Amino acid sequence: MSKTSTKSKGLTLTDILVTIVIAAVFGVIYKLWGPMYDVVKPFGTHAEQLVYGMWFIAGTLAFLIIRKPGVAILAEVAAATVSALLGAEWGVATLIYGLAQGLGAEIFFALFRYRTINVFVASLAAVGAAAASLIVDNYYGYIEFLSAWNLSLLIILRVLGSIIIAGIFAYALSKALEKTGVTHLLRPVSKKDYDTLG
């Protein structure tokens, strides 16, 4: 388990700008990822749910890098906005999904008081984003008429895909960025960081 402490709990201008840059990159990826959803569909009932987690990664990755309250929501809303501006097929609903998914992830980071940074917490945040997306799906009527087995399969595959992409992959990506040293520009070096150098 890795823990970090920061001198300032509030978002600085640098934090916001970095979050927006991450969100902008993933907003483009979200738009480009749309066809992947259809590519995977023929592989089986709800197979496309395994790639759904890509739409949650901006929030989890941004938090894993910045590690401050509000970052997951900001990143998901900003990424959804970029995706919508690029002509995402879901239109204004994209923004609603972004807000809900960011909030779903944020809840789990908050439960751990924004201090516990590990793959387990990242995966829980991904599950939170997936759960929020399912609530919005139900509101729009996309899933409310599915039979119990069909809905269960959809939920299981979406959660699994979310854990793999927005949890495990996001955490691995954040660790890879840490190894480059670029994240040290965004947060203070911890005692553990100094100890690993010794």
C-alpha atoms as a PDB file:
ATOM      1  CA  MET A   1       0.000   0.000   0.000  1.00  0.00           C
ATOM      2  CA  SER A   2       1.300   3.410  -0.947  1.00  0.00           C
ATOM      3  CA  LYS A   3       0.333   6.545   0.926  1.00  0.00           C
ATOM      4  CA  THR A   4       1.096  10.117   0.178  1.00  0.00           C
ATOM      5  CA  SER A   5       0.545  13.409   1.936  1.00  0.00           C
ATOM      6  CA  THR A   6       0.444  16.810   0.358  1.00  0.00           C
ATOM      7  CA  LYS A   7       0.958  20.233   1.893  1.00  0.00           C
ATOM      8  CA  SER A   8      -2.101  21.664   0.161  1.00  0.00           C
ATOM      9  CA  LYS A   9      -5.326  19.678   0.042  1.00  0.00           C
ATOM     10  CA  GLY A  10      -7.030  22.159  -2.275  1.00  0.00           C
ATOM     11  CA  LEU A  11      -6.504  22.154  -6.015  1.00  0.00           C
ATOM     12  CA  THR A  12      -3.854  24.536  -7.275  1.00  0.00           C
ATOM     13  CA  LEU A  13      -3.928  26.108 -10.721  1.00  0.00           C
ATOM     14  CA  THR A  14      -1.268  23.591 -11.795  1.00  0.00           C
ATOM     15  CA  ASP A  15      -3.428  20.701 -10.556  1.00  0.00           C
ATOM     16  CA  ILE A  16      -6.411  21.994 -12.517  1.00  0.00           C
ATOM     17  CA  LEU A  17      -4.402  22.575 -15.689  1.00  0.00           C
ATOM     18  CA  VAL A  18      -2.788  19.120 -15.553  1.00  0.00           C
ATOM     19  CA  THR A  19      -6.201  17.544 -14.919  1.00  0.00           C
ATOM     20  CA  ILE A  20      -7.661  19.394 -17.912  1.00  0.00           C
ATOM     21  CA  VAL A  21      -4.766  18.256 -20.126  1.00  0.00           C
ATOM     22  CA  ILE A  22      -5.273  14.626 -19.036  1.00  0.00           C
ATOM     23  CA  ALA A  23      -9.009  15.031 -19.619  1.00  0.00           C
ATOM     24  CA  ALA A  24      -8.493  16.566 -23.064  1.00  0.00           C
ATOM     25  CA  VAL A  25      -6.291  13.659 -24.136  1.00  0.00           C
ATOM     26  CA  PHE A  26      -8.835  11.146 -22.898  1.00  0.00           C
ATOM     27  CA  GLY A  27     -11.711  13.155 -24.364  1.00  0.00           C
ATOM     28  CA  VAL A  28     -10.150  12.528 -27.776  1.00  0.00           C
ATOM     29  CA  ILE A  29      -9.549   8.871 -26.874  1.00  0.00           C
ATOM     30  CA  TYR A  30     -13.194   8.559 -25.714  1.00  0.00           C
ATOM     31  CA  LYS A  31     -14.353   9.812 -29.102  1.00  0.00           C
ATOM     32  CA  LEU A  32     -11.993   7.471 -30.962  1.00  0.00           C
ATOM     33  CA  TRP A  33     -12.921   4.555 -28.675  1.00  0.00           C
ATOM     34  CA  GLY A  34     -16.594   4.648 -29.746  1.00  0.00           C
ATOM     35  CA  PRO A  35     -16.162   2.297 -32.735  1.00  0.00           C
ATOM     36  CA  MET A  36     -14.319  -0.219 -30.513  1.00  0.00           C
ATOM     37  CA  TYR A  37     -17.621  -0.745 -28.724  1.00  0.00           C
ATOM     38  CA  ASP A  38     -19.163  -1.983 -32.001  1.00  0.00           C
ATOM     39  CA  VAL A  39     -16.086  -4.007 -33.005  1.00  0.00           C
ATOM     40  CA  VAL A  40     -16.350  -6.138 -29.853  1.00  0.00           C
ATOM     41  CA  LYS A  41     -20.141  -6.674 -29.973  1.00  0.00           C
ATOM     42  CA  PRO A  42     -20.073  -9.697 -32.331  1.00  0.00           C
ATOM     43  CA  PHE A  43     -17.927 -11.691 -29.867  1.00  0.00           C
ATOM     44  CA  GLY A  44     -20.929 -12.467 -27.660  1.00  0.00           C
ATOM     45  CA  THR A  45     -23.798 -11.097 -25.625  1.00  0.00           C
ATOM     46  CA  HIS A  46     -22.645  -7.881 -23.948  1.00  0.00           C
ATOM     47  CA  ALA A  47     -19.002  -8.506 -24.956  1.00  0.00           C
ATOM     48  CA  GLU A  48     -18.793  -4.769 -25.650  1.00  0.00           C
ATOM     49  CA  GLN A  49     -19.095  -4.125 -21.920  1.00  0.00           C
ATOM     50  CA  LEU A  50     -15.526  -5.376 -21.503  1.00  0.00           C
ATOM     51  CA  VAL A  51     -14.226  -2.230 -23.248  1.00  0.00           C
ATOM     52  CA  TYR A  52     -16.639   0.175 -21.511  1.00  0.00           C
ATOM     53  CA  GLY A  53     -14.118   0.910 -18.765  1.00  0.00           C
ATOM     54  CA  MET A  54     -12.102   3.113 -21.119  1.00  0.00           C
ATOM     55  CA  TRP A  55     -14.746   5.812 -20.581  1.00  0.00           C
ATOM     56  CA  PHE A  56     -13.917   5.878 -16.856  1.00  0.00           C
ATOM     57  CA  ILE A  57     -10.136   6.076 -17.045  1.00  0.00           C
ATOM     58  CA  ALA A  58      -9.727   9.874 -17.117  1.00  0.00           C
ATOM     59  CA  GLY A  59     -11.096  10.209 -13.594  1.00  0.00           C
ATOM     60  CA  THR A  60      -9.119   7.399 -12.034  1.00  0.00           C
ATOM     61  CA  LEU A  61      -5.841   8.215 -13.782  1.00  0.00           C
ATOM     62  CA  ALA A  62      -6.088  11.942 -13.047  1.00  0.00           C
ATOM     63  CA  PHE A  63      -6.651  11.218  -9.362  1.00  0.00           C
ATOM     64  CA  LEU A  64      -3.779   8.714  -9.221  1.00  0.00           C
ATOM     65  CA  ILE A  65      -1.506  11.440 -10.581  1.00  0.00           C
ATOM     66  CA  ILE A  66      -2.828  14.528  -8.730  1.00  0.00           C
ATOM     67  CA  ARG A  67      -4.181  12.787  -5.582  1.00  0.00           C
ATOM     68  CA  LYS A  68      -6.524  15.542  -4.440  1.00  0.00           C
ATOM     69  CA  PRO A  69     -10.284  15.813  -3.837  1.00  0.00           C
ATOM     70  CA  GLY A  70     -12.423  16.726  -6.828  1.00  0.00           C
ATOM     71  CA  VAL A  71      -9.947  15.618  -9.469  1.00  0.00           C
ATOM     72  CA  ALA A  72     -11.890  12.521 -10.591  1.00  0.00           C
ATOM     73  CA  ILE A  73     -15.072  14.540 -11.140  1.00  0.00           C
ATOM     74  CA  LEU A  74     -13.242  17.377 -12.896  1.00  0.00           C
ATOM     75  CA  ALA A  75     -11.379  14.983 -15.186  1.00  0.00           C
ATOM     76  CA  GLU A  76     -14.453  12.971 -16.183  1.00  0.00           C
ATOM     77  CA  VAL A  77     -16.603  16.049 -16.832  1.00  0.00           C
ATOM     78  CA  ALA A  78     -13.826  17.719 -18.826  1.00  0.00           C
ATOM     79  CA  ALA A  79     -13.132  14.551 -20.844  1.00  0.00           C
ATOM     80  CA  ALA A  80     -16.860  14.133 -21.530  1.00  0.00           C
ATOM     81  CA  THR A  81     -17.031  17.774 -22.633  1.00  0.00           C
ATOM     82  CA  VAL A  82     -14.156  17.337 -25.082  1.00  0.00           C
ATOM     83  CA  SER A  83     -15.737  14.129 -26.384  1.00  0.00           C
ATOM     84  CA  ALA A  84     -19.113  15.880 -26.815  1.00  0.00           C
ATOM     85  CA  LEU A  85     -17.486  18.829 -28.615  1.00  0.00           C
ATOM     86  CA  LEU A  86     -15.823  16.363 -30.985  1.00  0.00           C
ATOM     87  CA  GLY A  87     -19.259  14.992 -31.854  1.00  0.00           C
ATOM     88  CA  ALA A  88     -19.714  12.018 -29.526  1.00  0.00           C
ATOM     89  CA  GLU A  89     -22.751  10.029 -30.626  1.00  0.00           C
ATOM     90  CA  TRP A  90     -24.472  10.408 -27.242  1.00  0.00           C
ATOM     91  CA  GLY A  91     -24.625  14.212 -27.411  1.00  0.00           C
ATOM     92  CA  VAL A  92     -25.482  16.112 -24.230  1.00  0.00           C
ATOM     93  CA  ALA A  93     -25.983  12.811 -22.375  1.00  0.00           C
ATOM     94  CA  THR A  94     -22.192  12.465 -22.559  1.00  0.00           C
ATOM     95  CA  LEU A  95     -21.877  15.273 -19.996  1.00  0.00           C
ATOM     96  CA  ILE A  96     -24.376  13.628 -17.654  1.00  0.00           C
ATOM     97  CA  TYR A  97     -22.452  10.367 -17.890  1.00  0.00           C
ATOM     98  CA  GLY A  98     -19.180  12.198 -17.266  1.00  0.00           C
ATOM     99  CA  LEU A  99     -20.510  13.864 -14.124  1.00  0.00           C
ATOM    100  CA  ALA A 100     -22.031  10.634 -12.788  1.00  0.00           C
ATOM    101  CA  GLN A 101     -18.952   8.527 -13.550  1.00  0.00           C
ATOM    102  CA  GLY A 102     -16.607  11.076 -11.998  1.00  0.00           C
ATOM    103  CA  LEU A 103     -18.771  11.206  -8.896  1.00  0.00           C
ATOM    104  CA  GLY A 104     -18.898   7.390  -8.728  1.00  0.00           C
ATOM    105  CA  ALA A 105     -15.100   7.229  -8.750  1.00  0.00           C
ATOM    106  CA  GLU A 106     -14.709  10.187  -6.390  1.00  0.00           C
ATOM    107  CA  ILE A 107     -16.842   8.522  -3.710  1.00  0.00           C
ATOM    108  CA  PHE A 108     -14.356   5.660  -3.345  1.00  0.00           C
ATOM    109  CA  PHE A 109     -11.326   7.923  -3.271  1.00  0.00           C
ATOM    110  CA  ALA A 110     -13.115   9.930  -0.557  1.00  0.00           C
ATOM    111  CA  LEU A 111     -13.913   6.777   1.449  1.00  0.00           C
ATOM    112  CA  PHE A 112     -10.164   6.247   1.756  1.00  0.00           C
ATOM    113  CA  ARG A 113      -9.748   9.951   2.614  1.00  0.00           C
ATOM    114  CA  TYR A 114      -7.764  10.515  -0.589  1.00  0.00           C
ATOM    115  CA  ARG A 115      -4.707   8.988   1.098  1.00  0.00           C
ATOM    116  CA  THR A 116      -4.599   5.350   0.075  1.00  0.00           C
ATOM    117  CA  ILE A 117      -3.194   4.998  -3.397  1.00  0.00           C
ATOM    118  CA  ASN A 118      -3.084   1.432  -4.665  1.00  0.00           C
ATOM    119  CA  VAL A 119      -4.545  -0.811  -7.337  1.00  0.00           C
ATOM    120  CA  PHE A 120      -7.353  -1.965  -5.030  1.00  0.00           C
ATOM    121  CA  VAL A 121      -8.638   1.565  -4.422  1.00  0.00           C
ATOM    122  CA  ALA A 122      -8.245   2.429  -8.123  1.00  0.00           C
ATOM    123  CA  SER A 123     -10.289  -0.676  -8.984  1.00  0.00           C
ATOM    124  CA  LEU A 124     -12.987   0.260  -6.460  1.00  0.00           C
ATOM    125  CA  ALA A 125     -13.160   3.735  -8.008  1.00  0.00           C
ATOM    126  CA  ALA A 126     -13.560   2.103 -11.425  1.00  0.00           C
ATOM    127  CA  VAL A 127     -16.425   0.012 -10.038  1.00  0.00           C
ATOM    128  CA  GLY A 128     -17.957   3.209  -8.628  1.00  0.00           C
ATOM    129  CA  ALA A 129     -17.814   4.823 -12.068  1.00  0.00           C
ATOM    130  CA  ALA A 130     -19.357   1.706 -13.621  1.00  0.00           C
ATOM    131  CA  ALA A 131     -22.172   1.698 -11.047  1.00  0.00           C
ATOM    132  CA  ALA A 132     -22.893   5.369 -11.742  1.00  0.00           C
ATOM    133  CA  SER A 133     -23.010   4.706 -15.491  1.00  0.00           C
ATOM    134  CA  LEU A 134     -25.529   1.911 -14.900  1.00  0.00           C
ATOM    135  CA  ILE A 135     -27.755   4.296 -12.923  1.00  0.00           C
ATOM    136  CA  VAL A 136     -27.693   6.750 -15.834  1.00  0.00           C
ATOM    137  CA  ASP A 137     -28.340   3.886 -18.281  1.00  0.00           C
ATOM    138  CA  ASN A 138     -31.412   2.961 -16.272  1.00  0.00           C
ATOM    139  CA  TYR A 139     -32.595   6.591 -16.246  1.00  0.00           C
ATOM    140  CA  TYR A 140     -32.364   6.753 -20.032  1.00  0.00           C
ATOM    141  CA  GLY A 141     -34.149   3.398 -20.321  1.00  0.00           C
ATOM    142  CA  TYR A 142     -31.249   1.513 -21.895  1.00  0.00           C
ATOM    143  CA  ILE A 143     -31.304  -1.403 -19.474  1.00  0.00           C
ATOM    144  CA  GLU A 144     -34.548  -1.349 -17.497  1.00  0.00           C
ATOM    145  CA  PHE A 145     -36.308  -3.942 -19.661  1.00  0.00           C
ATOM    146  CA  LEU A 146     -33.504  -6.514 -19.733  1.00  0.00           C
ATOM    147  CA  SER A 147     -34.236  -9.880 -18.180  1.00  0.00           C
ATOM    148  CA  ALA A 148     -32.466 -10.725 -14.917  1.00  0.00           C
ATOM    149  CA  TRP A 149     -29.817 -12.970 -16.507  1.00  0.00           C
ATOM    150  CA  ASN A 150     -29.188 -10.483 -19.318  1.00  0.00           C
ATOM    151  CA  LEU A 151     -28.831  -7.536 -16.931  1.00  0.00           C
ATOM    152  CA  SER A 152     -26.602  -9.569 -14.603  1.00  0.00           C
ATOM    153  CA  LEU A 153     -24.283 -10.468 -17.486  1.00  0.00           C
ATOM    154  CA  LEU A 154     -24.122  -6.838 -18.619  1.00  0.00           C
ATOM    155  CA  ILE A 155     -23.284  -5.643 -15.090  1.00  0.00           C
ATOM    156  CA  ILE A 156     -20.645  -8.338 -14.511  1.00  0.00           C
ATOM    157  CA  LEU A 157     -18.880  -7.647 -17.815  1.00  0.00           C
ATOM    158  CA  ARG A 158     -19.010  -3.857 -17.390  1.00  0.00           C
ATOM    159  CA  VAL A 159     -17.594  -4.078 -13.874  1.00  0.00           C
ATOM    160  CA  LEU A 160     -14.897  -6.521 -15.006  1.00  0.00           C
ATOM    161  CA  GLY A 161     -13.906  -4.317 -17.949  1.00  0.00           C
ATOM    162  CA  SER A 162     -13.890  -1.269 -15.674  1.00  0.00           C
ATOM    163  CA  ILE A 163     -11.586  -2.923 -13.156  1.00  0.00           C
ATOM    164  CA  ILE A 164      -9.190  -4.007 -15.917  1.00  0.00           C
ATOM    165  CA  ILE A 165      -9.064  -0.694 -17.810  1.00  0.00           C
ATOM    166  CA  ALA A 166      -9.916   2.107 -15.354  1.00  0.00           C
ATOM    167  CA  GLY A 167      -8.515   0.299 -12.316  1.00  0.00           C
ATOM    168  CA  ILE A 168      -5.550  -1.961 -13.052  1.00  0.00           C
ATOM    169  CA  PHE A 169      -4.417  -0.338 -16.319  1.00  0.00           C
ATOM    170  CA  ALA A 170      -4.842   3.210 -14.949  1.00  0.00           C
ATOM    171  CA  TYR A 171      -2.809   2.287 -11.874  1.00  0.00           C
ATOM    172  CA  ALA A 172      -0.048   0.707 -14.008  1.00  0.00           C
ATOM    173  CA  LEU A 173       0.001   3.795 -16.218  1.00  0.00           C
ATOM    174  CA  SER A 174       0.295   6.100 -13.196  1.00  0.00           C
ATOM    175  CA  LYS A 175       3.179   3.983 -11.855  1.00  0.00           C
ATOM    176  CA  ALA A 176       4.925   4.161 -15.228  1.00  0.00           C
ATOM    177  CA  LEU A 177       4.582   7.953 -15.160  1.00  0.00           C
ATOM    178  CA  GLU A 178       5.979   8.043 -11.611  1.00  0.00           C
ATOM    179  CA  LYS A 179       9.085   6.197 -12.778  1.00  0.00           C
ATOM    180  CA  THR A 180       9.762   8.970 -15.285  1.00  0.00           C
ATOM    181  CA  GLY A 181       9.804  11.476 -12.407  1.00  0.00           C
ATOM    182  CA  VAL A 182       7.212  13.736 -14.043  1.00  0.00           C
ATOM    183  CA  THR A 183       4.731  13.330 -11.170  1.00  0.00           C
ATOM    184  CA  HIS A 184       7.246  14.821  -8.713  1.00  0.00           C
ATOM    185  CA  LEU A 185       6.552  18.158 -10.374  1.00  0.00           C
ATOM    186  CA  LEU A 186       2.937  17.876  -9.193  1.00  0.00           C
ATOM    187  CA  ARG A 187       3.310  16.737  -5.591  1.00  0.00           C
ATOM    188  CA  PRO A 188       5.985  16.787  -2.909  1.00  0.00           C
ATOM    189  CA  VAL A 189       8.443  13.943  -2.670  1.00  0.00           C
ATOM    190  CA  SER A 190       7.537  11.645   0.240  1.00  0.00           C
ATOM    191  CA  LYS A 191       9.881  10.039   2.771  1.00  0.00           C
ATOM    192  CA  LYS A 192       9.256   6.704   1.041  1.00  0.00           C
ATOM    193  CA  ASP A 193      10.496   8.209  -2.238  1.00  0.00           C
ATOM    194  CA  TYR A 194      13.731   9.303  -0.537  1.00  0.00           C
ATOM    195  CA  ASP A 195      14.122   5.889   1.119  1.00  0.00           C
ATOM    196  CA  THR A 196      13.907   4.082  -2.224  1.00  0.00           C
ATOM    197  CA  LEU A 197      16.737   6.221  -3.539  1.00  0.00           C
ATOM    198  CA  GLY A 198      19.043   5.255  -0.652  1.00  0.00           C
END
